[in-house]
Each structure stands twice: as structure tokens, then as C-alpha cells.
PDB file of N, CA and C in Angstrom:
ATOM      1  N   MET A   1      13.552  18.478 -21.395  1.00  0.00           N
ATOM      2  CA  MET A   1      12.419  17.723 -21.897  1.00  0.00           C
ATOM      3  C   MET A   1      12.008  16.718 -20.823  1.00  0.00           C
ATOM      4  N   SER A   2      10.731  16.681 -20.495  1.00  0.00           N
ATOM      5  CA  SER A   2      10.232  15.772 -19.462  1.00  0.00           C
ATOM      6  C   SER A   2      10.189  14.332 -19.990  1.00  0.00           C
ATOM      7  N   GLN A   3      10.056  13.409 -19.044  1.00  0.00           N
ATOM      8  CA  GLN A   3       9.963  11.984 -19.400  1.00  0.00           C
ATOM      9  C   GLN A   3       8.762  11.739 -20.309  1.00  0.00           C
ATOM     10  N   ASN A   4       7.634  12.371 -19.995  1.00  0.00           N
ATOM     11  CA  ASN A   4       6.435  12.198 -20.826  1.00  0.00           C
ATOM     12  C   ASN A   4       6.652  12.739 -22.231  1.00  0.00           C
ATOM     13  N   ASP A   5       7.351  13.859 -22.347  1.00  0.00           N
ATOM     14  CA  ASP A   5       7.646  14.419 -23.660  1.00  0.00           C
ATOM     15  C   ASP A   5       8.524  13.475 -24.465  1.00  0.00           C
ATOM     16  N   LYS A   6       9.465  12.825 -23.807  1.00  0.00           N
ATOM     17  CA  LYS A   6      10.350  11.881 -24.491  1.00  0.00           C
ATOM     18  C   LYS A   6       9.568  10.659 -24.988  1.00  0.00           C
ATOM     19  N   VAL A   7       8.679  10.168 -24.152  1.00  0.00           N
ATOM     20  CA  VAL A   7       7.858   9.023 -24.552  1.00  0.00           C
ATOM     21  C   VAL A   7       6.947   9.416 -25.712  1.00  0.00           C
ATOM     22  N   ASP A   8       6.349  10.604 -25.614  1.00  0.00           N
ATOM     23  CA  ASP A   8       5.483  11.077 -26.699  1.00  0.00           C
ATOM     24  C   ASP A   8       6.258  11.223 -28.002  1.00  0.00           C
ATOM     25  N   ASN A   9       7.489  11.702 -27.908  1.00  0.00           N
ATOM     26  CA  ASN A   9       8.346  11.847 -29.083  1.00  0.00           C
ATOM     27  C   ASN A   9       8.640  10.479 -29.698  1.00  0.00           C
ATOM     28  N   LEU A  10       8.940   9.509 -28.864  1.00  0.00           N
ATOM     29  CA  LEU A  10       9.195   8.150 -29.356  1.00  0.00           C
ATOM     30  C   LEU A  10       7.941   7.564 -29.994  1.00  0.00           C
ATOM     31  N   LEU A  11       6.802   7.742 -29.343  1.00  0.00           N
ATOM     32  CA  LEU A  11       5.542   7.249 -29.910  1.00  0.00           C
ATOM     33  C   LEU A  11       5.263   7.873 -31.271  1.00  0.00           C
ATOM     34  N   GLU A  12       5.564   9.149 -31.399  1.00  0.00           N
ATOM     35  CA  GLU A  12       5.349   9.837 -32.674  1.00  0.00           C
ATOM     36  C   GLU A  12       6.206   9.220 -33.776  1.00  0.00           C
ATOM     37  N   LYS A  13       7.467   8.942 -33.463  1.00  0.00           N
ATOM     38  CA  LYS A  13       8.367   8.338 -34.451  1.00  0.00           C
ATOM     39  C   LYS A  13       7.928   6.924 -34.810  1.00  0.00           C
ATOM     40  N   VAL A  14       7.573   6.140 -33.811  1.00  0.00           N
ATOM     41  CA  VAL A  14       7.135   4.764 -34.046  1.00  0.00           C
ATOM     42  C   VAL A  14       5.834   4.745 -34.839  1.00  0.00           C
ATOM     43  N   SER A  15       4.971   5.705 -34.555  1.00  0.00           N
ATOM     44  CA  SER A  15       3.673   5.734 -35.237  1.00  0.00           C
ATOM     45  C   SER A  15       3.831   5.919 -36.739  1.00  0.00           C
ATOM     46  N   LYS A  16       4.818   6.684 -37.151  1.00  0.00           N
ATOM     47  CA  LYS A  16       5.055   6.875 -38.585  1.00  0.00           C
ATOM     48  C   LYS A  16       5.488   5.567 -39.239  1.00  0.00           C
ATOM     49  N   TYR A  17       6.328   4.819 -38.533  1.00  0.00           N
ATOM     50  CA  TYR A  17       6.812   3.549 -39.068  1.00  0.00           C
ATOM     51  C   TYR A  17       5.683   2.525 -39.150  1.00  0.00           C
ATOM     52  N   LEU A  18       4.855   2.487 -38.117  1.00  0.00           N
ATOM     53  CA  LEU A  18       3.782   1.498 -38.053  1.00  0.00           C
ATOM     54  C   LEU A  18       2.501   1.949 -38.735  1.00  0.00           C
ATOM     55  N   ARG A  19       2.461   3.210 -39.142  1.00  0.00           N
ATOM     56  CA  ARG A  19       1.274   3.802 -39.775  1.00  0.00           C
ATOM     57  C   ARG A  19       0.040   3.671 -38.879  1.00  0.00           C
ATOM     58  N   LYS A  20       0.258   3.948 -37.617  1.00  0.00           N
ATOM     59  CA  LYS A  20      -0.797   3.995 -36.604  1.00  0.00           C
ATOM     60  C   LYS A  20      -0.625   5.300 -35.839  1.00  0.00           C
ATOM     61  N   THR A  21      -1.688   5.767 -35.209  1.00  0.00           N
ATOM     62  CA  THR A  21      -1.566   6.982 -34.410  1.00  0.00           C
ATOM     63  C   THR A  21      -0.834   6.654 -33.104  1.00  0.00           C
ATOM     64  N   PRO A  22      -0.193   7.648 -32.504  1.00  0.00           N
ATOM     65  CA  PRO A  22       0.442   7.404 -31.200  1.00  0.00           C
ATOM     66  C   PRO A  22      -0.559   6.877 -30.168  1.00  0.00           C
ATOM     67  N   GLU A  23      -1.790   7.350 -30.237  1.00  0.00           N
ATOM     68  CA  GLU A  23      -2.811   6.896 -29.298  1.00  0.00           C
ATOM     69  C   GLU A  23      -3.129   5.418 -29.498  1.00  0.00           C
ATOM     70  N   GLU A  24      -3.188   4.971 -30.758  1.00  0.00           N
ATOM     71  CA  GLU A  24      -3.455   3.560 -31.045  1.00  0.00           C
ATOM     72  C   GLU A  24      -2.325   2.680 -30.505  1.00  0.00           C
ATOM     73  N   ILE A  25      -1.085   3.137 -30.681  1.00  0.00           N
ATOM     74  CA  ILE A  25       0.070   2.372 -30.212  1.00  0.00           C
ATOM     75  C   ILE A  25       0.061   2.297 -28.686  1.00  0.00           C
ATOM     76  N   LYS A  26      -0.156   3.423 -28.051  1.00  0.00           N
ATOM     77  CA  LYS A  26      -0.171   3.467 -26.591  1.00  0.00           C
ATOM     78  C   LYS A  26      -1.279   2.572 -26.033  1.00  0.00           C
ATOM     79  N   SER A  27      -2.454   2.661 -26.604  1.00  0.00           N
ATOM     80  CA  SER A  27      -3.585   1.858 -26.149  1.00  0.00           C
ATOM     81  C   SER A  27      -3.313   0.370 -26.340  1.00  0.00           C
ATOM     82  N   ALA A  28      -2.795   0.000 -27.497  1.00  0.00           N
ATOM     83  CA  ALA A  28      -2.506  -1.406 -27.772  1.00  0.00           C
ATOM     84  C   ALA A  28      -1.449  -1.943 -26.812  1.00  0.00           C
ATOM     85  N   ALA A  29      -0.432  -1.151 -26.538  1.00  0.00           N
ATOM     86  CA  ALA A  29       0.617  -1.584 -25.617  1.00  0.00           C
ATOM     87  C   ALA A  29       0.072  -1.735 -24.201  1.00  0.00           C
ATOM     88  N   GLN A  30      -0.747  -0.790 -23.760  1.00  0.00           N
ATOM     89  CA  GLN A  30      -1.314  -0.858 -22.424  1.00  0.00           C
ATOM     90  C   GLN A  30      -2.271  -2.027 -22.262  1.00  0.00           C
ATOM     91  N   ASN A  31      -2.960  -2.389 -23.321  1.00  0.00           N
ATOM     92  CA  ASN A  31      -3.931  -3.473 -23.267  1.00  0.00           C
ATOM     93  C   ASN A  31      -3.354  -4.829 -23.666  1.00  0.00           C
ATOM     94  N   GLY A  32      -2.080  -4.855 -24.022  1.00  0.00           N
ATOM     95  CA  GLY A  32      -1.450  -6.105 -24.424  1.00  0.00           C
ATOM     96  C   GLY A  32      -1.844  -6.582 -25.799  1.00  0.00           C
ATOM     97  N   ASN A  33      -2.323  -5.680 -26.639  1.00  0.00           N
ATOM     98  CA  ASN A  33      -2.764  -6.034 -27.993  1.00  0.00           C
ATOM     99  C   ASN A  33      -1.733  -5.602 -29.035  1.00  0.00           C
ATOM    100  N   ILE A  34      -0.520  -6.059 -28.851  1.00  0.00           N
ATOM    101  CA  ILE A  34       0.564  -5.657 -29.746  1.00  0.00           C
ATOM    102  C   ILE A  34       0.279  -6.077 -31.183  1.00  0.00           C
ATOM    103  N   GLY A  35      -0.362  -7.193 -31.367  1.00  0.00           N
ATOM    104  CA  GLY A  35      -0.695  -7.662 -32.715  1.00  0.00           C
ATOM    105  C   GLY A  35      -1.509  -6.649 -33.492  1.00  0.00           C
ATOM    106  N   ASP A  36      -2.342  -5.896 -32.789  1.00  0.00           N
ATOM    107  CA  ASP A  36      -3.165  -4.887 -33.447  1.00  0.00           C
ATOM    108  C   ASP A  36      -2.331  -3.790 -34.104  1.00  0.00           C
ATOM    109  N   ILE A  37      -1.187  -3.476 -33.514  1.00  0.00           N
ATOM    110  CA  ILE A  37      -0.383  -2.395 -34.084  1.00  0.00           C
ATOM    111  C   ILE A  37       0.646  -2.894 -35.090  1.00  0.00           C
ATOM    112  N   LEU A  38       0.778  -4.198 -35.191  1.00  0.00           N
ATOM    113  CA  LEU A  38       1.758  -4.761 -36.119  1.00  0.00           C
ATOM    114  C   LEU A  38       1.158  -5.118 -37.471  1.00  0.00           C
ATOM    115  N   ASN A  39      -0.155  -4.984 -37.626  1.00  0.00           N
ATOM    116  CA  ASN A  39      -0.793  -5.472 -38.842  1.00  0.00           C
ATOM    117  C   ASN A  39      -0.458  -4.670 -40.094  1.00  0.00           C
ATOM    118  N   ASN A  40       0.184  -3.516 -39.962  1.00  0.00           N
ATOM    119  CA  ASN A  40       0.612  -2.764 -41.143  1.00  0.00           C
ATOM    120  C   ASN A  40       2.033  -3.118 -41.578  1.00  0.00           C
ATOM    121  N   LEU A  41       2.687  -3.939 -40.793  1.00  0.00           N
ATOM    122  CA  LEU A  41       4.039  -4.367 -41.147  1.00  0.00           C
ATOM    123  C   LEU A  41       3.973  -5.571 -42.080  1.00  0.00           C
ATOM    124  N   SER A  42       5.103  -5.849 -42.685  1.00  0.00           N
ATOM    125  CA  SER A  42       5.167  -7.078 -43.475  1.00  0.00           C
ATOM    126  C   SER A  42       4.997  -8.259 -42.522  1.00  0.00           C
ATOM    127  N   ARG A  43       4.550  -9.344 -43.049  1.00  0.00           N
ATOM    128  CA  ARG A  43       4.337 -10.535 -42.228  1.00  0.00           C
ATOM    129  C   ARG A  43       5.618 -10.937 -41.513  1.00  0.00           C
ATOM    130  N   ASN A  44       6.731 -10.875 -42.224  1.00  0.00           N
ATOM    131  CA  ASN A  44       8.018 -11.254 -41.668  1.00  0.00           C
ATOM    132  C   ASN A  44       8.416 -10.329 -40.517  1.00  0.00           C
ATOM    133  N   ASP A  45       8.281  -9.014 -40.709  1.00  0.00           N
ATOM    134  CA  ASP A  45       8.626  -8.061 -39.654  1.00  0.00           C
ATOM    135  C   ASP A  45       7.747  -8.259 -38.428  1.00  0.00           C
ATOM    136  N   ALA A  46       6.459  -8.433 -38.641  1.00  0.00           N
ATOM    137  CA  ALA A  46       5.524  -8.632 -37.532  1.00  0.00           C
ATOM    138  C   ALA A  46       5.871  -9.912 -36.762  1.00  0.00           C
ATOM    139  N   GLU A  47       6.188 -10.979 -37.474  1.00  0.00           N
ATOM    140  CA  GLU A  47       6.549 -12.234 -36.818  1.00  0.00           C
ATOM    141  C   GLU A  47       7.831 -12.084 -36.018  1.00  0.00           C
ATOM    142  N   ASN A  48       8.804 -11.373 -36.571  1.00  0.00           N
ATOM    143  CA  ASN A  48      10.064 -11.168 -35.858  1.00  0.00           C
ATOM    144  C   ASN A  48       9.854 -10.361 -34.577  1.00  0.00           C
ATOM    145  N   ILE A  49       9.041  -9.344 -34.635  1.00  0.00           N
ATOM    146  CA  ILE A  49       8.761  -8.546 -33.446  1.00  0.00           C
ATOM    147  C   ILE A  49       8.041  -9.387 -32.405  1.00  0.00           C
ATOM    148  N   GLN A  50       7.089 -10.183 -32.836  1.00  0.00           N
ATOM    149  CA  GLN A  50       6.378 -11.063 -31.901  1.00  0.00           C
ATOM    150  C   GLN A  50       7.340 -12.045 -31.227  1.00  0.00           C
ATOM    151  N   LYS A  51       8.288 -12.583 -31.987  1.00  0.00           N
ATOM    152  CA  LYS A  51       9.276 -13.506 -31.413  1.00  0.00           C
ATOM    153  C   LYS A  51      10.101 -12.812 -30.340  1.00  0.00           C
ATOM    154  N   ILE A  52      10.525 -11.592 -30.616  1.00  0.00           N
ATOM    155  CA  ILE A  52      11.333 -10.843 -29.655  1.00  0.00           C
ATOM    156  C   ILE A  52      10.533 -10.549 -28.394  1.00  0.00           C
ATOM    157  N   ILE A  53       9.288 -10.163 -28.564  1.00  0.00           N
ATOM    158  CA  ILE A  53       8.437  -9.838 -27.414  1.00  0.00           C
ATOM    159  C   ILE A  53       8.216 -11.073 -26.536  1.00  0.00           C
ATOM    160  N   LYS A  54       8.025 -12.218 -27.154  1.00  0.00           N
ATOM    161  CA  LYS A  54       7.687 -13.434 -26.411  1.00  0.00           C
ATOM    162  C   LYS A  54       8.904 -14.139 -25.813  1.00  0.00           C
ATOM    163  N   ASP A  55      10.084 -13.917 -26.365  1.00  0.00           N
ATOM    164  CA  ASP A  55      11.280 -14.636 -25.925  1.00  0.00           C
ATOM    165  C   ASP A  55      12.170 -13.707 -25.095  1.00  0.00           C
ATOM    166  N   LYS A  56      12.220 -13.948 -23.804  1.00  0.00           N
ATOM    167  CA  LYS A  56      12.991 -13.098 -22.898  1.00  0.00           C
ATOM    168  C   LYS A  56      14.462 -13.027 -23.303  1.00  0.00           C
ATOM    169  N   ASN A  57      15.032 -14.143 -23.735  1.00  0.00           N
ATOM    170  CA  ASN A  57      16.438 -14.155 -24.134  1.00  0.00           C
ATOM    171  C   ASN A  57      16.682 -13.277 -25.360  1.00  0.00           C
ATOM    172  N   LEU A  58      15.771 -13.333 -26.331  1.00  0.00           N
ATOM    173  CA  LEU A  58      15.907 -12.479 -27.510  1.00  0.00           C
ATOM    174  C   LEU A  58      15.762 -11.001 -27.140  1.00  0.00           C
ATOM    175  N   THR A  59      14.816 -10.711 -26.246  1.00  0.00           N
ATOM    176  CA  THR A  59      14.613  -9.336 -25.800  1.00  0.00           C
ATOM    177  C   THR A  59      15.872  -8.815 -25.125  1.00  0.00           C
ATOM    178  N   GLU A  60      16.430  -9.603 -24.215  1.00  0.00           N
ATOM    179  CA  GLU A  60      17.643  -9.190 -23.521  1.00  0.00           C
ATOM    180  C   GLU A  60      18.811  -9.022 -24.488  1.00  0.00           C
ATOM    181  N   LYS A  61      18.908  -9.916 -25.455  1.00  0.00           N
ATOM    182  CA  LYS A  61      19.976  -9.828 -26.445  1.00  0.00           C
ATOM    183  C   LYS A  61      19.846  -8.548 -27.264  1.00  0.00           C
ATOM    184  N   LEU A  62      18.621  -8.235 -27.680  1.00  0.00           N
ATOM    185  CA  LEU A  62      18.380  -7.016 -28.445  1.00  0.00           C
ATOM    186  C   LEU A  62      18.704  -5.781 -27.611  1.00  0.00           C
ATOM    187  N   LEU A  63      18.231  -5.755 -26.383  1.00  0.00           N
ATOM    188  CA  LEU A  63      18.439  -4.579 -25.528  1.00  0.00           C
ATOM    189  C   LEU A  63      19.886  -4.409 -25.088  1.00  0.00           C
ATOM    190  N   SER A  64      20.691  -5.457 -25.218  1.00  0.00           N
ATOM    191  CA  SER A  64      22.098  -5.355 -24.832  1.00  0.00           C
ATOM    192  C   SER A  64      22.978  -4.796 -25.953  1.00  0.00           C
ATOM    193  N   THR A  65      22.420  -4.618 -27.142  1.00  0.00           N
ATOM    194  CA  THR A  65      23.224  -4.078 -28.240  1.00  0.00           C
ATOM    195  C   THR A  65      23.519  -2.604 -28.015  1.00  0.00           C
ATOM    196  N   LYS A  66      24.616  -2.146 -28.563  1.00  0.00           N
ATOM    197  CA  LYS A  66      25.000  -0.736 -28.434  1.00  0.00           C
ATOM    198  C   LYS A  66      23.932   0.184 -29.015  1.00  0.00           C
ATOM    199  N   GLU A  67      23.341  -0.229 -30.129  1.00  0.00           N
ATOM    200  CA  GLU A  67      22.324   0.594 -30.779  1.00  0.00           C
ATOM    201  C   GLU A  67      21.094   0.765 -29.894  1.00  0.00           C
ATOM    202  N   ALA A  68      20.645  -0.323 -29.287  1.00  0.00           N
ATOM    203  CA  ALA A  68      19.478  -0.248 -28.401  1.00  0.00           C
ATOM    204  C   ALA A  68      19.792   0.576 -27.168  1.00  0.00           C
ATOM    205  N   GLN A  69      20.967   0.412 -26.614  1.00  0.00           N
ATOM    206  CA  GLN A  69      21.343   1.187 -25.437  1.00  0.00           C
ATOM    207  C   GLN A  69      21.435   2.673 -25.758  1.00  0.00           C
ATOM    208  N   LYS A  70      21.932   3.000 -26.944  1.00  0.00           N
ATOM    209  CA  LYS A  70      21.987   4.404 -27.358  1.00  0.00           C
ATOM    210  C   LYS A  70      20.580   4.968 -27.514  1.00  0.00           C
ATOM    211  N   LEU A  71      19.688   4.186 -28.115  1.00  0.00           N
ATOM    212  CA  LEU A  71      18.309   4.630 -28.282  1.00  0.00           C
ATOM    213  C   LEU A  71      17.659   4.901 -26.927  1.00  0.00           C
ATOM    214  N   VAL A  72      17.856   4.001 -25.987  1.00  0.00           N
ATOM    215  CA  VAL A  72      17.291   4.191 -24.652  1.00  0.00           C
ATOM    216  C   VAL A  72      17.869   5.452 -24.008  1.00  0.00           C
ATOM    217  N   ARG A  73      19.172   5.655 -24.132  1.00  0.00           N
ATOM    218  CA  ARG A  73      19.792   6.873 -23.573  1.00  0.00           C
ATOM    219  C   ARG A  73      19.237   8.117 -24.244  1.00  0.00           C
ATOM    220  N   ASP A  74      19.102   8.077 -25.562  1.00  0.00           N
ATOM    221  CA  ASP A  74      18.594   9.235 -26.307  1.00  0.00           C
ATOM    222  C   ASP A  74      17.156   9.561 -25.914  1.00  0.00           C
ATOM    223  N   VAL A  75      16.349   8.528 -25.782  1.00  0.00           N
ATOM    224  CA  VAL A  75      14.927   8.730 -25.488  1.00  0.00           C
ATOM    225  C   VAL A  75      14.704   9.093 -24.024  1.00  0.00           C
ATOM    226  N   PHE A  76      15.417   8.403 -23.130  1.00  0.00           N
ATOM    227  CA  PHE A  76      15.137   8.577 -21.716  1.00  0.00           C
ATOM    228  C   PHE A  76      16.225   9.334 -20.956  1.00  0.00           C
ATOM    229  N   GLY A  77      17.139   9.954 -21.682  1.00  0.00           N
ATOM    230  CA  GLY A  77      18.132  10.810 -21.027  1.00  0.00           C
ATOM    231  C   GLY A  77      19.130  10.074 -20.167  1.00  0.00           C
ATOM    232  N   GLY A  78      19.545   8.897 -20.580  1.00  0.00           N
ATOM    233  CA  GLY A  78      20.582   8.182 -19.880  1.00  0.00           C
ATOM    234  C   GLY A  78      20.117   7.390 -18.678  1.00  0.00           C
ATOM    235  N   LYS A  79      18.838   7.293 -18.475  1.00  0.00           N
ATOM    236  CA  LYS A  79      18.315   6.544 -17.314  1.00  0.00           C
ATOM    237  C   LYS A  79      18.081   5.101 -17.677  1.00  0.00           C
TER     238      LYS A  79
END
């Protein structure tokens, strides 16, 4: 599976959770409009995601968890 296929697969899974199309998620991420894709989440979930995105320490803490590292390995083939 190519890197693009893995990203597309992840976008597809995330899109179901966020109730947005993969194209909407990709566009919002590329344009820095993350708030646009979070509006279908509960207020609490959206606020928590925004906090993680804005706080480098929280982001690093999240990405250092075993679960996040496994997800990255699964999606990107161990890279």
C-alpha cells in the first residue's frame, strides 16, 4: 500500500467520525481551517482537539503514547 493510499485510508476513517468528506477534511487541514471540520463534534471534544493542536506540549504528550505510536505505525508503515 502506497503512502497516499494510507493517508486516504486514514482520511476515510476520520471522515466517518467527523461526518465530513475526506476532501473537506483535507482541504480544511491544508488551509488551516481545522475549526471548520470540528463543528460536528460535541463542544467539549472540539475544544479538547483545539487545545491539543495549539499546545505543543500536549501534542507531544499525546503523540508519545503507545496508542498514538501504534496508530502512526499502522497508518504509515512504521515510518
